[in-house]
Protein backbone atom coordinates (compact mmCIF):
# COMPACT_ATOMS: atom_id res chain seq x y z
CA MET A 1 140.87 94.46 108.89
CA SER A 2 140.50 94.44 105.14
CA LEU A 3 137.25 92.77 103.55
CA SER A 4 139.12 90.09 102.12
CA GLN A 5 140.73 89.20 105.53
CA GLU A 6 137.58 89.08 106.85
CA THR A 7 135.97 86.75 104.21
CA PRO A 8 138.88 84.33 103.21
CA GLY A 9 138.55 82.26 100.13
CA HIS A 10 135.59 84.81 98.59
CA SER A 11 136.32 85.77 95.04
CA PRO A 12 136.59 89.24 93.81
CA ALA A 13 133.31 89.43 92.35
CA GLU A 14 131.87 88.08 95.95
CA LEU A 15 133.88 90.72 97.66
CA ALA A 16 132.71 93.41 95.36
CA ARG A 17 129.12 92.34 96.20
CA GLN A 18 129.87 92.44 99.86
CA ALA A 19 131.17 95.72 99.61
CA THR A 20 128.09 97.08 97.77
CA ALA A 21 125.68 95.56 100.02
CA LYS A 22 127.67 96.91 103.35
CA THR A 23 127.79 100.46 101.63
CA ARG A 24 124.41 100.53 100.61
CA LYS A 25 122.96 99.34 104.23
CA ALA A 26 125.09 102.46 105.61
CA ARG A 27 123.28 104.71 103.36
CA ARG A 28 120.07 103.76 104.50
CA TYR A 29 121.03 104.07 107.95
CA ALA A 30 121.95 107.22 107.78
CA GLY A 31 119.04 108.10 105.60
CA ARG A 32 116.86 107.03 108.64
CA ARG A 33 118.70 109.43 110.66
CA THR A 34 118.18 112.25 108.21
CA LEU A 35 114.41 111.01 108.64
CA TRP A 36 114.47 111.91 112.02
CA GLN A 37 115.38 115.32 111.77
CA ILE A 38 113.09 116.09 108.77
CA THR A 39 110.17 113.91 108.80
CA GLY A 40 106.44 115.05 109.93
CA ASP A 41 105.67 111.45 110.71
CA ARG A 42 105.68 110.36 114.23
CA ALA A 43 106.64 106.66 113.46
CA CYS A 44 109.18 107.71 111.34
CA LYS A 45 110.73 109.94 114.03
CA GLY A 46 110.69 106.80 116.48
CA CYS A 47 111.70 104.22 113.98
CA GLY A 48 115.15 102.70 115.02
CA ARG A 49 115.31 104.87 118.25
CA ASP A 50 112.16 104.41 120.48
CA LEU A 51 111.81 101.27 122.31
CA MET A 52 109.03 98.97 122.81
CA ASP A 53 109.43 98.40 126.22
CA PRO A 54 111.77 100.73 128.12
CA VAL A 55 112.22 98.48 131.10
CA GLY A 56 112.96 95.68 128.66
CA GLY A 57 115.72 97.73 126.78
CA VAL A 58 117.31 96.74 123.50
CA LEU A 59 118.68 93.15 122.72
CA LEU A 60 121.51 92.41 120.33
CA ALA A 61 121.28 89.19 119.57
CA GLN A 62 123.85 86.87 117.09
CA THR A 63 122.00 84.51 114.97
CA ALA A 64 123.61 81.31 114.16
CA ALA A 65 124.73 82.51 110.44
CA GLY A 66 126.84 85.22 112.39
CA ALA A 67 124.31 88.12 111.54
CA SER A 68 123.04 90.56 114.26
CA VAL A 69 119.58 91.57 114.93
CA VAL A 70 118.48 94.29 117.14
CA LEU A 71 115.21 93.36 119.18
CA GLY A 72 112.96 95.76 121.16
CA LEU A 73 113.23 98.86 118.95
CA MET A 74 109.95 100.62 117.57
CA ARG A 75 109.97 100.03 113.57
CA CYS A 76 107.95 102.30 111.63
CA ALA A 77 107.11 100.01 108.49
CA ARG A 78 106.80 103.02 106.23
CA ILE A 79 107.63 101.43 102.77
CA TRP A 80 107.30 104.98 101.23
CA PHE A 81 109.40 106.76 103.86
CA CYS A 82 111.91 104.83 105.62
CA PRO A 83 114.89 103.03 103.73
CA VAL A 84 115.63 100.69 106.56
CA CYS A 85 112.05 99.43 107.18
CA SER A 86 111.51 99.61 103.15
CA ALA A 87 114.38 97.60 102.29
CA THR A 88 113.25 94.66 104.59
CA ILE A 89 109.83 94.79 103.38
CA ARG A 90 110.42 95.15 99.70
CA HIS A 91 112.68 92.23 99.75
CA LYS A 92 110.19 89.89 101.11
CA ARG A 93 107.50 91.15 98.80
CA ALA A 94 109.76 90.90 96.00
CA GLU A 95 110.38 86.90 97.09
CA GLU A 96 106.75 86.88 97.53
CA ILE A 97 105.75 88.11 93.93
CA THR A 98 108.57 85.95 92.28
CA ARG A 99 106.51 82.72 94.18
CA ALA A 100 103.43 83.96 92.91
CA VAL A 101 104.29 84.16 89.35
CA VAL A 102 106.15 80.99 89.64
CA GLU A 103 103.25 79.10 90.89
CA TRP A 104 101.17 81.02 87.72
CA ILE A 105 103.61 80.01 85.25
CA GLY A 106 103.91 76.58 86.62
CA GLN A 107 99.98 76.10 86.75
CA GLY A 108 100.07 76.80 82.78
CA GLY A 109 99.39 80.27 82.93
CA THR A 110 100.68 83.81 81.47
CA ALA A 111 102.08 86.90 82.97
CA TYR A 112 102.19 90.31 81.55
CA LEU A 113 104.50 93.13 83.17
CA VAL A 114 102.43 96.51 82.44
CA THR A 115 103.84 99.69 83.01
CA LEU A 116 101.35 102.91 83.23
CA THR A 117 102.40 106.77 83.25
CA ALA A 118 100.40 109.95 83.18
CA ARG A 119 102.12 112.98 81.42
CA HIS A 120 103.29 115.82 83.58
CA ASP A 121 105.09 119.02 84.03
CA TYR A 122 106.80 121.04 87.01
CA ARG A 123 103.23 122.68 88.11
CA ASP A 124 101.49 119.47 88.68
CA GLU A 125 101.31 118.70 92.53
CA LEU A 126 102.23 115.25 93.48
CA ALA A 127 99.04 114.50 95.46
CA SER A 128 96.59 115.52 92.20
CA LEU A 129 98.75 113.05 90.15
CA MET A 130 98.53 110.35 92.47
CA ASP A 131 94.41 110.86 93.01
CA ALA A 132 94.41 110.91 89.03
CA ILE A 133 96.14 107.18 88.77
CA GLN A 134 95.86 105.59 91.77
CA GLY A 135 92.62 107.04 93.05
CA SER A 136 91.94 109.37 95.91
CA ARG A 137 92.46 108.12 99.81
CA SER A 138 89.73 107.35 101.88
CA GLY A 139 88.89 109.54 105.12
CA THR A 140 90.26 108.23 108.58
CA ALA A 141 87.48 106.63 110.97
CA ALA A 142 87.21 109.79 112.84
CA GLU A 143 86.64 112.19 109.62
CA ILE A 144 84.34 109.96 108.40
CA LYS A 145 82.24 109.60 111.82
CA ALA A 146 82.30 113.24 112.05
CA ALA A 147 81.22 113.88 108.53
CA ARG A 148 78.18 111.41 109.19
CA GLU A 149 77.13 113.16 112.16
CA ALA A 150 77.26 116.51 110.31
CA VAL A 151 74.58 115.02 107.86
CA ALA A 152 72.43 113.57 110.34
CA THR A 153 72.31 117.11 112.01
CA ALA A 154 72.03 118.77 108.74
CA ARG A 155 69.07 116.59 107.82
CA GLY A 156 67.44 116.92 111.39
CA GLY A 157 67.75 120.78 110.68
CA VAL A 158 65.79 120.13 107.17
CA GLU A 159 63.19 118.19 108.85
CA GLN A 160 62.71 121.07 111.94
CA ALA A 161 62.48 123.75 109.25
CA LYS A 162 59.85 122.07 107.42
CA ALA A 163 58.12 121.29 110.41
CA GLU A 164 58.28 124.93 111.77
CA THR A 165 57.11 125.87 108.20
CA LYS A 166 53.98 123.85 108.21
CA ALA A 167 53.12 125.06 111.69
CA ALA A 168 53.12 128.47 110.75
CA VAL A 169 51.29 128.15 107.55
CA ASN A 170 48.45 126.11 109.78
CA ALA A 171 48.63 129.09 112.25
CA ALA A 172 48.20 131.36 109.45
CA ARG A 173 45.21 129.50 108.17
CA ILE A 174 43.52 129.47 111.46
CA ALA A 175 44.17 133.13 112.31
CA ALA A 176 43.33 134.60 108.59
CA PRO A 177 39.49 135.29 108.05
CA LYS A 178 37.54 133.12 105.72
CA GLY A 179 38.23 134.18 101.82
CA ALA A 180 42.11 135.10 102.76
CA LYS A 181 43.38 131.73 103.97
CA ARG A 182 44.80 130.71 100.99
CA LYS A 183 46.63 134.07 100.37
CA ALA A 184 47.84 134.01 104.13
CA MET A 185 48.99 130.61 103.92
CA ALA A 186 51.02 131.17 100.79
CA ALA A 187 52.46 134.26 102.15
CA THR A 188 53.73 132.39 105.60
CA LYS A 189 55.18 129.69 103.21
CA ALA A 190 57.02 131.88 100.96
CA ALA A 191 58.51 133.79 104.12
CA MET A 192 59.17 130.41 105.48
CA ALA A 193 60.95 129.23 102.11
CA GLY A 194 64.52 130.90 103.26
CA GLY A 195 64.74 128.68 106.04
CA ILE A 196 64.15 125.71 104.67
CA ALA A 197 66.26 126.60 101.59
CA GLU A 198 69.10 127.36 103.88
CA ALA A 199 68.97 124.09 105.51
CA GLN A 200 68.97 122.14 102.40
CA ALA A 201 72.06 123.98 101.66
CA GLN A 202 73.68 122.85 104.92
CA LEU A 203 72.83 119.34 104.05
CA MET A 204 74.14 119.51 100.68
CA VAL A 205 77.52 120.64 101.95
CA ALA A 206 77.60 118.02 104.73
CA ALA A 207 76.55 115.27 102.24
CA SER A 208 79.69 116.53 99.95
CA ASP A 209 82.08 116.81 102.41
CA LEU A 210 80.98 112.78 103.51
CA ALA A 211 81.23 112.25 100.15
CA ALA A 212 84.85 113.49 100.00
CA THR A 213 85.88 111.14 102.51
CA GLY A 214 85.47 108.29 100.39
CA ARG A 215 87.82 106.95 98.10
CA GLN A 216 87.31 108.22 94.39
CA ALA A 217 88.62 106.02 91.57
CA GLY A 218 91.80 106.86 89.47
CA ALA A 219 92.71 105.45 86.10
CA TYR A 220 93.81 102.13 87.50
CA GLN A 221 90.85 101.27 88.90
CA ARG A 222 88.70 102.02 85.81
CA LEU A 223 90.56 99.54 84.00
CA ILE A 224 89.08 96.86 85.82
CA THR A 225 85.33 98.45 85.95
CA GLY A 226 82.73 98.66 83.36
CA GLY A 227 80.56 96.27 81.28
CA THR A 228 83.28 95.90 78.48
CA TRP A 229 85.81 94.75 80.76
CA ALA A 230 83.58 92.42 83.14
CA GLY A 231 80.73 91.73 80.55
CA ASP A 232 76.80 92.10 81.43
CA LYS A 233 75.93 89.66 83.92
CA ARG A 234 72.32 90.50 84.08
CA GLU A 235 69.89 87.45 83.38
CA LYS A 236 68.37 89.37 80.18
CA ALA A 237 72.04 89.87 78.62
CA SER A 238 72.63 87.87 75.62
CA GLU A 239 75.23 85.06 75.68
CA ALA A 240 78.01 87.62 74.17
CA ALA A 241 77.31 90.54 76.06
CA ALA A 242 77.59 88.50 79.20
CA GLU A 243 81.16 87.98 78.51
CA GLY A 244 83.44 90.69 78.78
CA ILE A 245 87.45 91.06 78.09
CA ARG A 246 88.16 90.05 81.57
CA ASP A 247 86.41 86.46 80.66
CA ARG A 248 87.92 86.48 77.38
CA ILE A 249 91.52 86.60 78.40
CA GLY A 250 90.93 84.72 81.59
CA TYR A 251 92.21 87.53 84.08
CA ILE A 252 92.80 86.38 87.49
CA GLY A 253 94.58 89.53 89.32
CA MET A 254 97.13 91.53 89.27
CA ILE A 255 100.12 92.86 91.65
CA ARG A 256 100.50 96.51 91.31
CA ALA A 257 103.12 98.51 92.85
CA THR A 258 103.82 102.51 92.30
CA GLU A 259 106.66 104.30 91.91
CA VAL A 260 107.80 107.73 92.44
CA THR A 261 110.54 110.26 90.90
CA VAL A 262 111.39 113.60 91.33
CA GLY A 263 113.11 115.42 88.59
CA ASP A 264 114.89 118.78 87.99
CA VAL A 265 112.84 120.06 85.19
CA HIS A 266 109.63 118.24 85.25
CA LEU A 267 109.46 117.38 88.87
CA TRP A 268 107.24 114.49 90.21
CA HIS A 269 106.48 111.34 87.63
CA PRO A 270 104.46 108.71 89.41
CA HIS A 271 104.18 105.87 87.49
CA ILE A 272 102.54 102.16 88.20
CA HIS A 273 103.95 98.83 87.42
CA ALA A 274 101.30 95.60 87.62
CA ILE A 275 102.06 92.05 86.97
CA VAL A 276 98.74 90.86 85.55
CA LEU A 277 97.96 87.22 85.50
CA VAL A 278 95.71 86.09 82.47
CA GLY A 279 94.59 82.53 81.23
CA GLY A 280 92.59 81.13 84.14
CA ARG A 281 89.14 80.25 84.40
CA THR A 282 87.54 80.80 87.94
CA GLU A 283 84.49 79.62 89.85
CA GLY A 284 83.10 80.79 93.14
CA GLU A 285 82.71 84.24 94.66
CA ARG A 286 85.46 86.01 96.90
CA SER A 287 86.70 84.05 99.28
CA ASP A 288 85.21 80.68 97.47
CA LYS A 289 87.03 81.47 94.46
CA ARG A 290 89.28 78.82 92.64
CA VAL A 291 91.08 78.37 89.48
CA VAL A 292 89.15 75.33 87.69
CA GLU A 293 90.84 75.87 84.08
CA VAL A 294 94.15 77.00 82.62
CA PHE A 295 94.42 78.17 78.86
CA ASP A 296 96.08 80.17 76.21
CA PRO A 297 94.33 83.49 75.56
CA THR A 298 93.75 84.01 71.46
CA PRO A 299 95.88 86.83 70.01
CA LYS A 300 92.49 88.65 69.15
CA ALA A 301 91.49 88.84 72.89
CA LEU A 302 95.09 89.80 74.11
CA LYS A 303 95.07 92.89 71.57
CA GLU A 304 91.19 93.88 72.39
CA TRP A 305 92.38 93.85 76.05
CA GLU A 306 95.66 95.74 75.29
CA ASP A 307 93.62 98.48 73.34
CA HIS A 308 90.99 98.87 76.12
CA TRP A 309 93.53 99.55 78.53
CA ARG A 310 94.76 102.11 76.67
CA ALA A 311 91.93 103.70 75.76
CA VAL A 312 90.50 103.67 79.22
CA TRP A 313 93.97 104.54 80.81
CA THR A 314 94.24 107.75 78.70
CA GLY A 315 90.45 108.53 78.52
CA HIS A 316 90.09 108.61 82.11
CA LEU A 317 93.56 110.67 82.89
CA GLU A 318 92.25 113.30 79.98
CA ARG A 319 88.72 113.68 82.03
CA VAL A 320 90.41 114.24 85.34
CA ASN A 321 92.64 116.81 83.62
CA PRO A 322 93.40 116.93 79.81
CA LYS A 323 97.04 117.57 80.20
CA TYR A 324 97.71 114.34 82.15
CA ARG A 325 96.81 112.39 79.05
CA PRO A 326 99.69 110.51 78.15
CA SER A 327 100.55 109.97 74.21
CA ASP A 328 98.66 106.74 72.45
CA GLU A 329 100.53 106.99 69.45
CA CYS A 330 104.29 107.89 68.22
CA GLY A 331 106.32 108.83 65.34
CA ILE A 332 109.79 108.19 66.47
CA PRO A 333 111.33 105.76 64.22
CA ASP A 334 112.22 102.59 65.63
CA CYS A 335 110.89 103.42 69.08
CA LYS A 336 110.36 100.79 71.46
CA CYS A 337 106.69 101.62 71.69
CA ASP A 338 106.19 100.20 68.35
CA GLY A 339 104.06 103.39 67.61
CA LYS A 340 101.53 102.56 70.40
CA GLY A 341 102.45 105.98 72.65
CA HIS A 342 104.41 105.91 75.98
CA GLY A 343 101.16 105.98 78.39
CA VAL A 344 101.03 101.98 78.44
CA ASP A 345 103.46 99.36 78.00
CA PHE A 346 102.94 95.89 78.01
CA LYS A 347 105.70 93.50 78.36
CA ARG A 348 104.78 89.65 78.18
CA LEU A 349 107.16 87.19 80.57
CA GLU A 350 108.75 85.18 77.91
CA THR A 351 111.22 82.20 78.77
CA ALA A 352 113.85 81.02 76.83
CA GLN A 353 113.47 77.82 74.77
CA ASP A 354 116.03 75.68 76.94
CA ALA A 355 114.86 77.00 80.46
CA GLN A 356 113.90 74.25 82.73
CA ASP A 357 113.74 75.96 86.29
CA LEU A 358 110.52 77.82 86.60
CA GLY A 359 112.41 80.61 88.97
CA GLU A 360 114.71 81.15 85.73
CA TYR A 361 111.52 81.29 83.53
CA ILE A 362 110.36 84.32 85.28
CA SER A 363 113.50 85.94 86.32
CA LYS A 364 113.89 87.91 82.92
CA THR A 365 111.47 89.92 80.93
CA GLN A 366 112.53 91.08 77.09
CA ASP A 367 114.98 93.86 78.81
CA GLY A 368 116.39 91.38 81.23
CA LYS A 369 114.95 92.51 84.46
CA ASN A 370 113.32 90.78 87.28
CA PRO A 371 109.55 91.25 86.95
CA ALA A 372 109.29 90.91 90.95
CA LEU A 373 112.24 93.76 91.60
CA GLU A 374 110.73 95.85 88.97
CA LEU A 375 107.68 95.95 91.33
CA ALA A 376 109.17 95.60 94.75
CA ARG A 377 112.79 96.93 94.92
CA GLY A 378 112.05 100.61 94.48
CA ASP A 379 114.48 101.22 97.10
CA LEU A 380 117.11 99.72 94.76
CA LYS A 381 116.41 101.93 91.94
CA GLU A 382 118.43 104.76 91.02
CA ALA A 383 116.62 107.29 88.93
CA ARG A 384 118.08 108.45 85.45
CA LYS A 385 117.97 111.48 83.18
CA GLY A 386 117.89 114.24 85.93
CA ASN A 387 115.53 112.39 88.27
CA MET A 388 116.23 111.26 92.21
CA THR A 389 114.09 108.24 93.74
CA PRO A 390 112.88 109.42 96.92
CA PHE A 391 115.43 108.02 98.88
CA GLU A 392 118.16 109.30 96.81
CA MET A 393 116.66 112.85 97.63
CA LEU A 394 116.69 111.86 101.44
CA TYR A 395 120.16 110.82 101.27
CA ARG A 396 120.90 114.20 99.43
CA ILE A 397 119.26 116.12 102.23
CA GLY A 398 121.46 114.18 104.65
CA ASP A 399 124.78 115.32 102.67
CA LEU A 400 123.67 118.66 102.60
CA ILE A 401 122.59 119.25 106.05
CA GLY A 402 126.18 117.33 107.26
CA GLY A 403 128.06 120.05 104.90
CA VAL A 404 128.50 118.50 101.63
CA LEU A 405 128.81 121.00 98.54
CA GLU A 406 125.87 121.31 96.53
CA GLU A 407 128.00 120.19 93.61
CA GLU A 408 129.69 117.27 95.44
CA ALA A 409 126.24 115.67 96.79
CA THR A 410 124.37 113.16 94.49
CA GLY A 411 121.21 114.21 92.94
CA HIS A 412 120.02 117.89 92.38
CA GLY A 413 118.52 120.66 93.92
CA SER A 414 119.04 123.05 97.14
CA LEU A 415 118.62 121.81 100.76
CA GLY A 416 115.25 124.23 100.95
CA TRP A 417 114.13 122.84 97.30
CA CYS A 418 114.72 119.25 98.38
CA LEU A 419 113.03 119.72 102.07
CA ASP A 420 110.05 121.32 100.12
CA ARG A 421 109.68 118.23 97.98
CA TRP A 422 110.05 115.77 100.75
CA ARG A 423 107.50 117.29 103.08
CA GLU A 424 105.10 117.44 99.64
CA TYR A 425 105.88 113.63 99.03
CA GLU A 426 105.13 112.77 102.67
CA LYS A 427 101.76 114.33 102.59
CA ALA A 428 101.10 113.11 99.06
CA MET A 429 101.92 109.54 99.73
CA SER A 430 101.03 109.07 103.28
CA GLY A 431 98.12 106.49 103.74
CA ARG A 432 98.77 104.94 100.52
CA ARG A 433 99.66 101.18 99.58
CA ALA A 434 102.87 101.00 97.55
CA ILE A 435 102.07 97.11 96.59
CA GLU A 436 98.61 96.01 96.52
CA TRP A 437 97.62 92.65 95.41
CA THR A 438 93.80 91.99 93.81
CA ARG A 439 91.21 90.87 96.49
CA HIS A 440 91.64 86.95 96.40
CA LEU A 441 94.51 86.28 94.39
CA ARG A 442 96.73 85.31 97.17
CA GLN A 443 94.42 82.31 97.92
CA LEU A 444 94.15 81.58 94.50
CA LEU A 445 97.52 80.91 94.14
CA GLY A 446 97.89 79.24 97.52
CA LEU A 447 99.39 82.41 99.32
CA THR A 448 98.78 83.79 102.71
CA GLY A 449 99.50 87.38 104.39
CA GLY A 450 98.28 90.83 103.32
CA ASP A 451 99.38 93.70 101.87
CA THR A 452 98.51 96.84 104.40
CA GLU A 453 100.91 98.49 106.67
CA GLU A 454 99.90 96.20 109.25
CA ASP A 455 100.86 93.26 107.46
CA ASP A 456 104.24 95.04 106.96
CA LYS A 457 104.99 95.32 110.58
CA ASP A 458 103.68 91.72 111.02
CA MET A 459 106.12 91.09 108.28
CA LEU A 460 108.99 92.82 110.18
CA ALA A 461 108.43 90.94 113.56
CA ALA A 462 108.31 87.82 111.80
CA ASP A 463 111.80 88.12 110.20
CA ASP A 464 113.00 88.53 113.56
CA ALA A 465 111.57 85.95 115.17
CA ALA A 466 112.56 83.41 112.41
CA SER A 467 116.22 83.41 113.81
CA GLU A 468 117.98 81.34 115.80
CA PHE A 469 120.54 83.01 118.47
CA ARG A 470 123.37 82.20 119.80
CA GLY A 471 124.30 85.13 122.24
CA GLY A 472 123.84 88.45 122.59
CA ALA A 473 123.80 91.52 124.86
CA HIS A 474 121.15 93.87 126.61
CA VAL A 475 121.71 97.46 126.27
CA THR A 476 119.77 99.78 128.43
CA GLU A 477 117.23 102.54 127.44
CA ASP A 478 119.60 105.09 128.47
CA GLY A 479 122.36 103.30 126.57
CA TRP A 480 120.68 103.27 123.36
CA SER A 481 119.23 106.96 123.34
CA ALA A 482 123.09 107.74 123.85
CA VAL A 483 123.72 105.40 120.70
CA ALA A 484 121.17 107.00 118.20
CA ARG A 485 122.07 110.56 119.27
CA LYS A 486 125.34 110.11 118.47
CA ALA A 487 124.74 108.29 115.28
CA LEU A 488 126.05 105.26 116.37
CA ASP A 489 123.05 102.32 115.54
CA LEU A 490 124.58 100.63 112.56
CA ALA A 491 128.16 100.35 114.14
CA VAL A 492 126.33 98.82 117.32
CA ALA A 493 124.60 96.17 115.26
CA GLU A 494 127.43 95.53 113.29
CA ALA A 495 129.86 95.20 116.54
CA ALA A 496 127.37 92.25 117.15
CA GLU A 497 128.13 90.52 114.26
CA GLY A 498 130.45 87.60 114.32
CA THR A 499 131.65 84.62 112.11
CA ASP A 500 132.26 81.00 112.51
CA ALA A 501 135.53 81.68 114.08
CA ASN A 502 134.33 84.72 116.55
CA THR A 503 131.43 83.45 118.24
CA ASP A 504 132.36 83.99 121.81
CA PRO A 505 129.53 86.10 123.30
CA ALA A 506 131.82 87.68 125.94
CA ALA A 507 133.79 88.87 122.91
CA MET A 508 130.82 90.12 120.94
CA THR A 509 129.86 91.85 124.27
CA GLU A 510 133.04 93.71 124.70
CA ARG A 511 132.96 95.26 120.91
CA VAL A 512 129.65 96.40 121.33
CA ARG A 513 130.85 98.10 124.93
CA GLU A 514 133.80 99.67 122.92
CA VAL A 515 131.16 101.51 120.42
CA LEU A 516 128.98 102.58 123.52
CA ALA A 517 132.09 103.93 125.05
CA LEU A 518 131.97 106.46 122.03
CA ALA A 519 128.99 107.69 123.28
CA GLY A 520 129.88 107.57 126.83
CA VAL A 521 127.89 104.76 128.02
CA ALA A 522 130.14 101.85 128.17
CA GLY A 523 128.54 100.73 131.39
CA GLU A 524 124.84 100.22 129.90
CA VAL A 525 125.49 97.06 128.24
CA ARG A 526 125.79 93.60 129.62
CA GLN A 527 126.36 90.26 128.19
CA LEU A 528 123.66 87.68 127.31
CA THR A 529 123.89 83.87 126.87
CA SER A 530 121.80 82.44 124.07
CA ALA A 531 119.43 81.29 127.18
CA GLU A 532 119.01 84.61 128.58
CA VAL A 533 118.30 85.87 124.92
CA ALA A 534 115.96 83.38 124.34
CA GLU A 535 113.80 84.39 127.67
CA ALA A 536 114.25 88.12 127.15
CA TYR A 537 112.64 87.48 123.79
CA ALA A 538 109.87 85.09 124.84
CA ALA A 539 107.89 87.98 125.76
CA GLN A 540 108.25 89.89 122.66
CA LEU A 541 107.34 86.58 120.63
CA GLU A 542 104.08 86.69 122.86
CA SER A 543 103.51 90.11 121.74
CA LEU A 544 103.96 89.12 118.25
CA ALA A 545 101.53 86.40 118.67
CA ARG A 546 99.28 88.45 119.44
CA ARG A 547 99.38 91.14 116.70
CA ARG A 548 99.39 88.24 114.11
CA GLU A 549 95.74 87.05 115.82
CA GLU A 550 94.61 90.56 115.72
CA ALA A 551 95.89 90.52 112.10
CA ALA A 552 93.94 87.53 111.17
CA ALA A 553 90.93 89.10 113.23
CA ARG A 554 91.43 92.12 111.24
CA ARG A 555 91.56 90.22 107.70
CA ARG A 556 88.52 88.50 108.51
CA ARG A 557 86.58 91.76 109.71
CA GLU A 558 87.69 93.40 106.45
CA GLN A 559 86.60 90.17 104.58
CA GLU A 560 83.09 90.05 106.40
CA GLN A 561 82.86 94.17 105.50
CA ASP A 562 84.06 93.74 101.91
CA ASP A 563 81.33 91.18 101.39
CA VAL A 564 78.43 93.18 102.97
CA ARG A 565 79.71 96.08 100.73
CA ASP A 566 79.56 93.97 97.85
CA GLY A 567 75.79 93.00 99.07
CA ASP A 568 75.11 96.37 99.59
CA LYS A 569 76.06 97.58 96.37
CA VAL A 570 73.99 95.05 94.51
CA SER A 571 70.86 96.48 96.48
CA LEU A 572 71.75 99.98 95.76
CA ARG A 573 71.59 99.16 92.05
CA HIS A 574 68.55 96.99 92.34
CA THR A 575 66.96 100.19 94.12
CA ALA A 576 68.16 102.80 91.81
CA ARG A 577 66.84 100.46 88.92
CA ASP A 578 63.51 100.06 90.82
CA ALA A 579 63.32 103.67 91.50
CA ARG A 580 63.86 104.56 87.64
CA GLN A 581 61.31 101.92 86.42
CA HIS A 582 58.89 103.40 88.93
CA ILE A 583 59.33 106.99 87.50
CA ALA A 584 58.86 105.69 83.82
CA ARG A 585 55.68 104.07 84.65
CA ARG A 586 54.56 107.48 86.37
CA ALA A 587 55.39 109.32 83.28
CA LYS A 588 53.31 106.79 80.95
CA THR A 589 50.47 107.19 83.22
CA PRO A 590 48.12 109.74 82.47
CA ARG A 591 47.42 112.01 85.53
CA PRO A 592 43.82 112.74 87.08
CA SER A 593 42.58 116.32 86.70
CA PRO A 594 41.71 118.22 89.96
CA ALA A 595 38.04 117.44 89.39
CA ASP A 596 38.65 113.94 88.79
CA ARG A 597 40.64 113.74 92.30
CA CYS A 598 37.82 115.52 94.03
CA GLY A 599 35.08 113.19 92.59
CA GLY A 600 33.96 115.43 90.35
CA ARG A 601 33.65 118.74 92.38
CA ALA A 602 35.72 121.61 91.47
CA TYR A 603 37.21 124.04 93.90
């Protein structure tokens, strides 16, 4: 049956859009099947083929709109690696970002799209580049615990070595004859010094290992730290010093998305897109923060901000590795950077004079792109000038494994080269956030939720739970295993779809059975009524509710921990300041002579 027969009355443009969407979906499912073969990530290996409950099987449910959803399968929610999960998550994130920017523009605020890049070449590892721009990742809970235990053990070793030295020196004093005690004590102390030095060296190594488990700031974090940016909030600071660039532009937060491409010449090109919201004054701290005023930042303040970020970004990358430093000037005539270089690019989100709808207001930037899609929909992007997106590389791997000739497959590189790059990509990007919001920005804009991987999983589950089902089918564990082995997962989902003229559950089940027959498991499916689908799905909804409660509790704990850490940082700064002041006072105070310390009697 042709597409035009399936969708009568649709325009050629709409039919073309549907065809493109169908092709992209098929490509994503094929990419996920390739991922099953090559990934080292356990969650990705089971995504879309492992069951949440083997006894419950898989539910193929048809929604009121005629679409189909597959319920009961494990979802990895790996936005970097899985093209199927990434498409859903990024679509939802793009909608969320659009709502946020619309809300801020609607309040009278200002938004900028800022792109941040680093210089690189074929010798640079992706992990090193990511550490430089986005910061290094913190260790796992187990790694941090082990490192802390190692520090405690090493510290105990130092104390033991000191105690043994003290005991040995005291024993030497007692054993030595009168007049030789000092010499014996000094000799014993010198002999024991090696043990103390070795114990202290072990402590330094353990402390270094512990420090390595903590996150090290990258160039991105440096943009929003420091006195120039935040101002000097100490009581003794002058009024001018107390206000930083952040205050002058009215910065309320940003939404950051990291994107990666791989080229045939210079290899990895990670870069950051951020929508920065400015023009607001806030009151309160942390979870109590709220916007109390909206204003237009002055051109002088905006230029100061842009110049500062350019200097900080390029300066930090240069300190990490001089060759990472991007250009901050350009001599190319009529270049779009306007002579400012290509490391940092600012675009204000402008509106046409006659635009009335706020959605249209922020839907285009100066180059005609949707800023929300620019941030969130990395899965839709096609790299240019010899570059591939990671998913394009994944699709090429699948084509080459399937026997497509190198010159006929899209992208570039041999199968071995692409596999090596994919392994490096997985290692470098695992555990990193693709899209991240400034802390408390959501609450300022009246939005809920979070941006962690657990939140992404909740988003996938909630997307299914939002549907109303009108019928379905049940596939057993053995049936679905055969479907996955035969690469029929998408075919089964499409067989469960229907239109207004094709809603009969029996007909839907028969179509599914025909697909399962290709895998030799036609008997592993049975029809479900809408009531049976609802009943079968009730258990999964209960599980989803528990996940939401756990996620909310997790966010509360994280917020409490953040508040405690913020307080600890203040306390540590005060402690360090007090220690410096104490040392300074000691340095200025004359030290008494040995005779003074002994009441005038010299020994």
